[in-house]
Amino acid sequence: MTDTRTGQCLCGAVAFEADIEAPHYHACHCDTCRRWGGPGMATNAVSLRIADTSALRAYGSSDYGERVFCGTCGTHLFWRMKDGSVNVVWVGALDDSDDLTLGTEIFVDSKPGHYSFAGEAHKMTGAEFVEMVMKTQ
């Protein structure tokens, strides 16, 4: 069962609907997410519908993935596999995320010691996460 959520960037140039898999998100502690504004908090999207893609920009941040943002205001919106097989939506871009809970922390082997999340969540190293993602291709 999926749950349809709406969202947009800060300036409103990019509005979208996302069908998310589950009412939880993951927190990514990789160096790239943290440098991009992290830790990255995102939820998997089964499908993504974007009203107008003209303001979208993408940055290829790894061999397999890219970060998608609004070229007008710079809002972080999505991370996706370059082949389009996986899309995740940044929780902060959703219009309503109050009911989402932290499900998984990924790249925990890259997490600095100066912060932590409350509660218990499934934890995966970077290698474990990359192995899981590569299996989806």
C-alpha atoms as a PDB file:
ATOM      1  CA  MET A   1       0.000   0.000   0.000  1.00  0.00           C
ATOM      2  CA  THR A   2       1.294   3.445  -0.885  1.00  0.00           C
ATOM      3  CA  ASP A   3       0.533   6.843   0.531  1.00  0.00           C
ATOM      4  CA  THR A   4       0.371   9.881  -1.770  1.00  0.00           C
ATOM      5  CA  ARG A   5       2.088  13.008  -0.460  1.00  0.00           C
ATOM      6  CA  THR A   6       2.475  16.451  -1.988  1.00  0.00           C
ATOM      7  CA  GLY A   7       5.475  18.692  -1.734  1.00  0.00           C
ATOM      8  CA  GLN A   8       7.309  21.619  -3.213  1.00  0.00           C
ATOM      9  CA  CYS A   9      10.464  23.636  -3.113  1.00  0.00           C
ATOM     10  CA  LEU A  10      10.838  26.851  -1.128  1.00  0.00           C
ATOM     11  CA  CYS A  11       9.922  29.168  -4.011  1.00  0.00           C
ATOM     12  CA  GLY A  12       7.155  26.934  -5.420  1.00  0.00           C
ATOM     13  CA  ALA A  13       8.763  26.500  -8.862  1.00  0.00           C
ATOM     14  CA  VAL A  14       8.788  22.708  -8.361  1.00  0.00           C
ATOM     15  CA  ALA A  15       5.640  21.035  -7.044  1.00  0.00           C
ATOM     16  CA  PHE A  16       5.244  17.277  -6.916  1.00  0.00           C
ATOM     17  CA  GLU A  17       3.225  14.290  -5.773  1.00  0.00           C
ATOM     18  CA  ALA A  18       5.017  11.237  -4.423  1.00  0.00           C
ATOM     19  CA  ASP A  19       3.607   7.816  -3.641  1.00  0.00           C
ATOM     20  CA  ILE A  20       5.682   6.717  -0.669  1.00  0.00           C
ATOM     21  CA  GLU A  21       6.183   3.092   0.341  1.00  0.00           C
ATOM     22  CA  ALA A  22       5.805   3.349   4.090  1.00  0.00           C
ATOM     23  CA  PRO A  23       5.221   5.981   6.782  1.00  0.00           C
ATOM     24  CA  HIS A  24       8.886   6.166   7.681  1.00  0.00           C
ATOM     25  CA  TYR A  25      12.071   7.787   6.426  1.00  0.00           C
ATOM     26  CA  HIS A  26      15.742   7.071   6.596  1.00  0.00           C
ATOM     27  CA  ALA A  27      18.538   9.319   7.786  1.00  0.00           C
ATOM     28  CA  CYS A  28      21.722   9.206   5.738  1.00  0.00           C
ATOM     29  CA  HIS A  29      25.012  10.042   7.418  1.00  0.00           C
ATOM     30  CA  CYS A  30      27.239   9.764   4.318  1.00  0.00           C
ATOM     31  CA  ASP A  31      29.780  12.506   3.736  1.00  0.00           C
ATOM     32  CA  THR A  32      27.903  13.737   0.661  1.00  0.00           C
ATOM     33  CA  CYS A  33      24.514  14.098   2.390  1.00  0.00           C
ATOM     34  CA  ARG A  34      26.088  15.853   5.347  1.00  0.00           C
ATOM     35  CA  ARG A  35      27.950  18.250   3.051  1.00  0.00           C
ATOM     36  CA  TRP A  36      24.748  18.850   1.053  1.00  0.00           C
ATOM     37  CA  GLY A  37      22.987  19.956   4.244  1.00  0.00           C
ATOM     38  CA  GLY A  38      22.575  16.670   6.074  1.00  0.00           C
ATOM     39  CA  PRO A  39      22.103  14.359   7.562  1.00  0.00           C
ATOM     40  CA  GLY A  40      19.797  13.606   4.683  1.00  0.00           C
ATOM     41  CA  MET A  41      16.314  12.553   5.761  1.00  0.00           C
ATOM     42  CA  ALA A  42      14.329  10.983   2.943  1.00  0.00           C
ATOM     43  CA  THR A  43      11.570   8.507   2.191  1.00  0.00           C
ATOM     44  CA  ASN A  44      11.332   6.040  -0.698  1.00  0.00           C
ATOM     45  CA  ALA A  45       8.945   6.978  -3.481  1.00  0.00           C
ATOM     46  CA  VAL A  46       7.289   4.283  -5.566  1.00  0.00           C
ATOM     47  CA  SER A  47       6.316   6.940  -8.097  1.00  0.00           C
ATOM     48  CA  LEU A  48       6.920  10.628  -8.471  1.00  0.00           C
ATOM     49  CA  ARG A  49       4.894  13.135 -10.461  1.00  0.00           C
ATOM     50  CA  ILE A  50       6.368  16.595 -11.028  1.00  0.00           C
ATOM     51  CA  ALA A  51       4.094  19.329 -12.345  1.00  0.00           C
ATOM     52  CA  ASP A  52       6.816  21.319 -14.138  1.00  0.00           C
ATOM     53  CA  THR A  53      10.385  20.034 -14.454  1.00  0.00           C
ATOM     54  CA  SER A  54      11.869  23.191 -15.994  1.00  0.00           C
ATOM     55  CA  ALA A  55      13.394  24.390 -12.693  1.00  0.00           C
ATOM     56  CA  LEU A  56      14.823  20.974 -11.746  1.00  0.00           C
ATOM     57  CA  ARG A  57      18.575  20.536 -11.711  1.00  0.00           C
ATOM     58  CA  ALA A  58      20.546  17.381 -10.964  1.00  0.00           C
ATOM     59  CA  TYR A  59      24.061  16.811  -9.690  1.00  0.00           C
ATOM     60  CA  GLY A  60      25.691  13.413 -10.219  1.00  0.00           C
ATOM     61  CA  SER A  61      27.083  12.839  -6.735  1.00  0.00           C
ATOM     62  CA  SER A  62      28.265   9.247  -7.281  1.00  0.00           C
ATOM     63  CA  ASP A  63      28.701   6.676 -10.013  1.00  0.00           C
ATOM     64  CA  TYR A  64      25.137   5.496  -9.458  1.00  0.00           C
ATOM     65  CA  GLY A  65      23.134   8.371  -7.948  1.00  0.00           C
ATOM     66  CA  GLU A  66      22.264  12.014  -8.328  1.00  0.00           C
ATOM     67  CA  ARG A  67      20.814  14.749  -6.170  1.00  0.00           C
ATOM     68  CA  VAL A  68      17.924  16.755  -7.566  1.00  0.00           C
ATOM     69  CA  PHE A  69      17.175  20.296  -6.452  1.00  0.00           C
ATOM     70  CA  CYS A  70      15.351  23.443  -7.510  1.00  0.00           C
ATOM     71  CA  GLY A  71      17.556  25.543  -9.777  1.00  0.00           C
ATOM     72  CA  THR A  72      15.734  28.693  -8.680  1.00  0.00           C
ATOM     73  CA  CYS A  73      15.826  28.520  -4.864  1.00  0.00           C
ATOM     74  CA  GLY A  74      18.214  25.606  -4.293  1.00  0.00           C
ATOM     75  CA  THR A  75      15.828  23.474  -2.217  1.00  0.00           C
ATOM     76  CA  HIS A  76      16.970  19.850  -1.875  1.00  0.00           C
ATOM     77  CA  LEU A  77      14.192  17.683  -3.290  1.00  0.00           C
ATOM     78  CA  PHE A  78      15.191  14.161  -4.337  1.00  0.00           C
ATOM     79  CA  TRP A  79      17.948  11.603  -4.558  1.00  0.00           C
ATOM     80  CA  ARG A  80      17.642   9.099  -7.359  1.00  0.00           C
ATOM     81  CA  MET A  81      19.506   6.331  -9.091  1.00  0.00           C
ATOM     82  CA  LYS A  82      20.821   7.582 -12.418  1.00  0.00           C
ATOM     83  CA  ASP A  83      18.895   4.805 -14.160  1.00  0.00           C
ATOM     84  CA  GLY A  84      15.644   5.947 -12.483  1.00  0.00           C
ATOM     85  CA  SER A  85      15.137   2.666 -10.597  1.00  0.00           C
ATOM     86  CA  VAL A  86      15.070   4.279  -7.134  1.00  0.00           C
ATOM     87  CA  ASN A  87      13.719   7.687  -6.085  1.00  0.00           C
ATOM     88  CA  VAL A  88      13.726   9.136  -2.605  1.00  0.00           C
ATOM     89  CA  VAL A  89      12.093  12.376  -1.515  1.00  0.00           C
ATOM     90  CA  TRP A  90      13.660  14.707   1.028  1.00  0.00           C
ATOM     91  CA  VAL A  91      11.294  14.817   4.002  1.00  0.00           C
ATOM     92  CA  GLY A  92      11.701  18.586   4.335  1.00  0.00           C
ATOM     93  CA  ALA A  93      10.205  19.097   0.868  1.00  0.00           C
ATOM     94  CA  LEU A  94       6.950  17.327   1.795  1.00  0.00           C
ATOM     95  CA  ASP A  95       3.941  19.460   2.687  1.00  0.00           C
ATOM     96  CA  ASP A  96       3.047  17.091   5.535  1.00  0.00           C
ATOM     97  CA  SER A  97       5.467  14.724   7.245  1.00  0.00           C
ATOM     98  CA  ASP A  98       4.334  14.886  10.878  1.00  0.00           C
ATOM     99  CA  ASP A  99       3.309  11.225  10.964  1.00  0.00           C
ATOM    100  CA  LEU A 100       6.562   9.871   9.471  1.00  0.00           C
ATOM    101  CA  THR A 101       8.963   8.086  11.813  1.00  0.00           C
ATOM    102  CA  LEU A 102      12.659   7.311  11.573  1.00  0.00           C
ATOM    103  CA  GLY A 103      13.002   3.771  10.206  1.00  0.00           C
ATOM    104  CA  THR A 104      16.651   3.356   9.191  1.00  0.00           C
ATOM    105  CA  GLU A 105      19.957   5.135   9.632  1.00  0.00           C
ATOM    106  CA  ILE A 106      22.320   4.504   6.738  1.00  0.00           C
ATOM    107  CA  PHE A 107      26.067   5.069   6.388  1.00  0.00           C
ATOM    108  CA  VAL A 108      26.333   4.876  10.169  1.00  0.00           C
ATOM    109  CA  ASP A 109      30.047   4.182   9.753  1.00  0.00           C
ATOM    110  CA  SER A 110      30.381   7.773   8.400  1.00  0.00           C
ATOM    111  CA  LYS A 111      28.324   9.459  11.145  1.00  0.00           C
ATOM    112  CA  PRO A 112      30.320  11.913  13.236  1.00  0.00           C
ATOM    113  CA  GLY A 113      30.062  11.613  17.011  1.00  0.00           C
ATOM    114  CA  HIS A 114      28.601  15.085  17.625  1.00  0.00           C
ATOM    115  CA  TYR A 115      24.958  14.138  16.990  1.00  0.00           C
ATOM    116  CA  SER A 116      22.603  11.206  17.356  1.00  0.00           C
ATOM    117  CA  PHE A 117      18.908  10.449  16.941  1.00  0.00           C
ATOM    118  CA  ALA A 118      16.608   9.427  19.760  1.00  0.00           C
ATOM    119  CA  GLY A 119      14.979   6.026  19.683  1.00  0.00           C
ATOM    120  CA  GLU A 120      15.967   2.791  18.064  1.00  0.00           C
ATOM    121  CA  ALA A 121      16.183   2.547  14.288  1.00  0.00           C
ATOM    122  CA  HIS A 122      17.661  -0.101  12.023  1.00  0.00           C
ATOM    123  CA  LYS A 123      21.283   0.820  11.256  1.00  0.00           C
ATOM    124  CA  MET A 124      23.254   0.028   8.098  1.00  0.00           C
ATOM    125  CA  THR A 125      26.857   0.736   7.136  1.00  0.00           C
ATOM    126  CA  GLY A 126      27.628   2.365   3.808  1.00  0.00           C
ATOM    127  CA  ALA A 127      28.712  -0.961   2.323  1.00  0.00           C
ATOM    128  CA  GLU A 128      25.503  -2.669   3.461  1.00  0.00           C
ATOM    129  CA  PHE A 129      23.374   0.088   1.966  1.00  0.00           C
ATOM    130  CA  VAL A 130      25.212   0.175  -1.377  1.00  0.00           C
ATOM    131  CA  GLU A 131      24.953  -3.609  -1.640  1.00  0.00           C
ATOM    132  CA  MET A 132      21.195  -3.417  -1.019  1.00  0.00           C
ATOM    133  CA  VAL A 133      20.701  -0.619  -3.582  1.00  0.00           C
ATOM    134  CA  MET A 134      22.766  -2.361  -6.239  1.00  0.00           C
ATOM    135  CA  LYS A 135      20.585  -5.468  -5.897  1.00  0.00           C
ATOM    136  CA  THR A 136      17.591  -3.418  -7.050  1.00  0.00           C
ATOM    137  CA  GLN A 137      19.162  -2.783 -10.446  1.00  0.00           C
END
